[in-house]
Amino acid sequence: MLRKELGYADGFEFHFRENSDRQRKRFLEAVAPYDFQYFGFALNKGSERLWGPGFEHKASLYKFTCGIVFENAKPYLTDAIVVLDESGTDTFRSQLGKYLGRRMTTSVGTRLIKRIKMQRSSGNNLLQLADYVAGVVSRKVQRKKKEAAEYYRYIAAKEMLLRVWPE
């Protein structure tokens, strides 16, 4: 609907970093009335506290970050179908899926994630929403851009938890 209102083709992808201020505001206005929540995790990559073998490789860092977000969301997961942006190699995607599957079990062995799917964000509106949430949260945490507070007000009430690590 928003694509049509703005005169964009059906395949237009909303991507926070690439969209203009006007597009961002229209997108955030359009999604604000919907019922969704998010768990945010901001990794301070410039911290001197990030050292050791787990932080030397991008894939390990990505798995670590995903693990933290899913740990925070664990009490809210039951037979979840998780859709991740299709990026990285086939090996990495397979490893990430197995890692999350193992990590997201209860103390009695019940799996909280029913299935993990990889999809391109260009074809999935929810992945585009996740991209926007990540962009807004990044700006909020970094406090570098003047629009950060304005963007954040659209999603602030949807925030379940936002962790910044290391602080």
Protein backbone atom coordinates (compact mmCIF):
# COMPACT_ATOMS: atom_id res chain seq x y z
CA MET A 1 0.00 0.00 0.00
CA LEU A 2 2.74 2.49 0.94
CA ARG A 3 4.66 1.73 -2.24
CA LYS A 4 1.56 2.55 -4.28
CA GLU A 5 0.90 5.76 -2.29
CA LEU A 6 4.45 6.92 -2.96
CA GLY A 7 4.31 5.90 -6.62
CA TYR A 8 6.91 3.12 -6.34
CA ALA A 9 6.93 -0.18 -8.18
CA ASP A 10 5.74 -3.27 -6.29
CA GLY A 11 9.33 -4.49 -6.02
CA PHE A 12 10.70 -1.29 -4.44
CA GLU A 13 12.72 -2.11 -1.33
CA PHE A 14 12.59 0.11 1.71
CA HIS A 15 16.13 0.16 3.04
CA PHE A 16 16.84 2.57 5.89
CA ARG A 17 20.38 3.50 4.92
CA GLU A 18 19.51 4.13 1.28
CA ASN A 19 16.17 5.91 1.73
CA SER A 20 15.72 9.66 2.06
CA ASP A 21 14.49 11.39 5.21
CA ARG A 22 11.04 11.77 3.58
CA GLN A 23 10.88 8.05 2.72
CA ARG A 24 11.99 7.09 6.23
CA LYS A 25 9.33 9.21 7.88
CA ARG A 26 6.59 7.89 5.60
CA PHE A 27 7.68 4.30 6.24
CA LEU A 28 7.79 4.79 10.01
CA GLU A 29 4.41 6.57 10.00
CA ALA A 30 2.95 3.66 8.01
CA VAL A 31 4.20 0.93 10.38
CA ALA A 32 3.67 2.76 13.70
CA PRO A 33 -0.01 1.71 14.09
CA TYR A 34 0.83 -1.99 13.73
CA ASP A 35 1.26 -4.30 16.70
CA PHE A 36 4.88 -5.46 16.80
CA GLN A 37 7.69 -5.51 19.32
CA TYR A 38 11.43 -5.71 19.00
CA PHE A 39 14.48 -6.61 21.01
CA GLY A 40 17.48 -4.48 20.15
CA PHE A 41 21.14 -5.15 20.66
CA ALA A 42 23.77 -2.57 19.79
CA LEU A 43 27.33 -3.82 19.65
CA ASN A 44 29.97 -1.21 20.36
CA LYS A 45 32.51 -2.43 17.81
CA GLY A 46 34.97 0.30 18.80
CA SER A 47 35.28 -0.94 22.36
CA GLU A 48 38.63 -2.15 23.64
CA ARG A 49 36.67 -4.82 25.52
CA LEU A 50 36.00 -6.68 22.26
CA TRP A 51 38.95 -8.99 22.01
CA GLY A 52 39.65 -12.67 21.82
CA PRO A 53 39.13 -15.43 19.27
CA GLY A 54 35.34 -15.03 19.11
CA PHE A 55 35.65 -11.44 17.95
CA GLU A 56 38.22 -11.89 15.20
CA HIS A 57 35.78 -13.16 12.59
CA LYS A 58 32.67 -11.41 11.33
CA ALA A 59 30.66 -14.66 11.28
CA SER A 60 31.42 -15.38 14.94
CA LEU A 61 30.50 -11.85 15.92
CA TYR A 62 27.22 -12.10 14.00
CA LYS A 63 26.33 -15.42 15.66
CA PHE A 64 27.19 -13.99 19.09
CA THR A 65 24.97 -10.95 18.49
CA CYS A 66 22.06 -13.06 17.20
CA GLY A 67 22.47 -15.35 20.20
CA ILE A 68 22.13 -12.44 22.64
CA VAL A 69 19.02 -11.09 20.91
CA PHE A 70 17.37 -14.51 20.88
CA GLU A 71 18.33 -15.17 24.53
CA ASN A 72 16.53 -11.94 25.45
CA ALA A 73 13.47 -12.99 23.43
CA LYS A 74 13.50 -16.59 24.71
CA PRO A 75 10.55 -16.20 27.14
CA TYR A 76 8.38 -15.04 24.22
CA LEU A 77 9.22 -17.84 21.78
CA THR A 78 7.03 -20.89 21.19
CA ASP A 79 7.26 -22.82 17.93
CA ALA A 80 8.69 -19.70 16.32
CA ILE A 81 9.36 -19.44 12.63
CA VAL A 82 12.41 -17.22 12.31
CA VAL A 83 13.10 -15.42 9.05
CA LEU A 84 16.61 -14.07 8.60
CA ASP A 85 17.97 -11.92 5.81
CA GLU A 86 19.65 -14.16 3.28
CA SER A 87 23.26 -13.07 3.41
CA GLY A 88 26.61 -14.74 3.72
CA THR A 89 27.66 -18.10 2.40
CA ASP A 90 25.58 -21.27 2.46
CA THR A 91 27.94 -22.63 5.13
CA PHE A 92 27.48 -19.58 7.33
CA ARG A 93 23.69 -19.66 7.01
CA SER A 94 23.66 -23.36 7.89
CA GLN A 95 25.92 -22.80 10.91
CA LEU A 96 23.81 -19.87 12.13
CA GLY A 97 20.62 -21.93 11.86
CA LYS A 98 22.14 -24.82 13.82
CA TYR A 99 23.60 -22.44 16.42
CA LEU A 100 20.25 -20.74 17.06
CA GLY A 101 18.39 -24.05 17.03
CA ARG A 102 20.71 -25.48 19.71
CA ARG A 103 20.67 -22.33 21.80
CA MET A 104 16.90 -21.87 21.71
CA THR A 105 15.78 -24.87 23.74
CA THR A 106 14.24 -24.98 27.19
CA SER A 107 15.85 -26.63 30.21
CA VAL A 108 13.82 -29.78 29.42
CA GLY A 109 14.90 -29.86 25.78
CA THR A 110 11.86 -28.30 24.10
CA ARG A 111 12.82 -26.46 20.92
CA LEU A 112 11.53 -22.89 20.87
CA ILE A 113 12.28 -22.36 17.20
CA LYS A 114 10.23 -24.53 14.88
CA ARG A 115 11.97 -23.43 11.69
CA ILE A 116 14.56 -20.96 10.42
CA LYS A 117 14.12 -19.56 6.93
CA MET A 118 16.46 -17.38 4.94
CA GLN A 119 14.90 -14.86 2.55
CA ARG A 120 16.01 -11.82 0.62
CA SER A 121 14.85 -8.59 2.22
CA SER A 122 13.74 -7.27 -1.16
CA GLY A 123 10.86 -9.76 -1.12
CA ASN A 124 9.92 -9.62 2.55
CA ASN A 125 8.25 -6.60 4.14
CA LEU A 126 9.01 -7.78 7.68
CA LEU A 127 12.73 -7.96 6.93
CA GLN A 128 12.50 -4.41 5.62
CA LEU A 129 10.81 -3.42 8.89
CA ALA A 130 13.63 -5.11 10.82
CA ASP A 131 16.16 -3.16 8.74
CA TYR A 132 14.38 0.07 9.63
CA VAL A 133 14.25 -0.77 13.34
CA ALA A 134 17.98 -1.55 13.26
CA GLY A 135 18.70 1.75 11.49
CA VAL A 136 16.65 3.78 13.96
CA VAL A 137 18.16 2.01 16.99
CA SER A 138 21.67 2.54 15.61
CA ARG A 139 21.05 6.27 15.26
CA LYS A 140 19.53 6.44 18.74
CA VAL A 141 22.47 4.68 20.36
CA GLN A 142 25.14 6.60 18.45
CA ARG A 143 23.41 9.98 18.93
CA LYS A 144 25.11 11.25 15.79
CA LYS A 145 22.22 12.38 13.63
CA LYS A 146 19.68 15.06 14.45
CA GLU A 147 16.76 12.94 13.16
CA ALA A 148 17.48 10.09 15.60
CA ALA A 149 14.95 11.19 18.23
CA GLU A 150 12.29 11.94 15.62
CA TYR A 151 12.64 8.49 14.02
CA TYR A 152 12.80 6.76 17.39
CA ARG A 153 9.50 8.21 18.60
CA TYR A 154 7.69 6.07 15.99
CA ILE A 155 9.02 2.79 17.42
CA ALA A 156 9.84 3.61 21.06
CA ALA A 157 6.66 2.02 22.42
CA LYS A 158 7.44 -1.20 20.53
CA GLU A 159 10.77 -1.73 22.29
CA MET A 160 10.86 -4.73 24.62
CA LEU A 161 14.54 -4.35 25.44
CA LEU A 162 17.54 -2.50 24.09
CA ARG A 163 20.98 -3.60 25.21
CA VAL A 164 24.19 -1.82 24.36
CA TRP A 165 27.28 -3.96 24.82
CA PRO A 166 29.87 -3.39 26.02
CA GLU A 167 28.70 -0.23 27.71
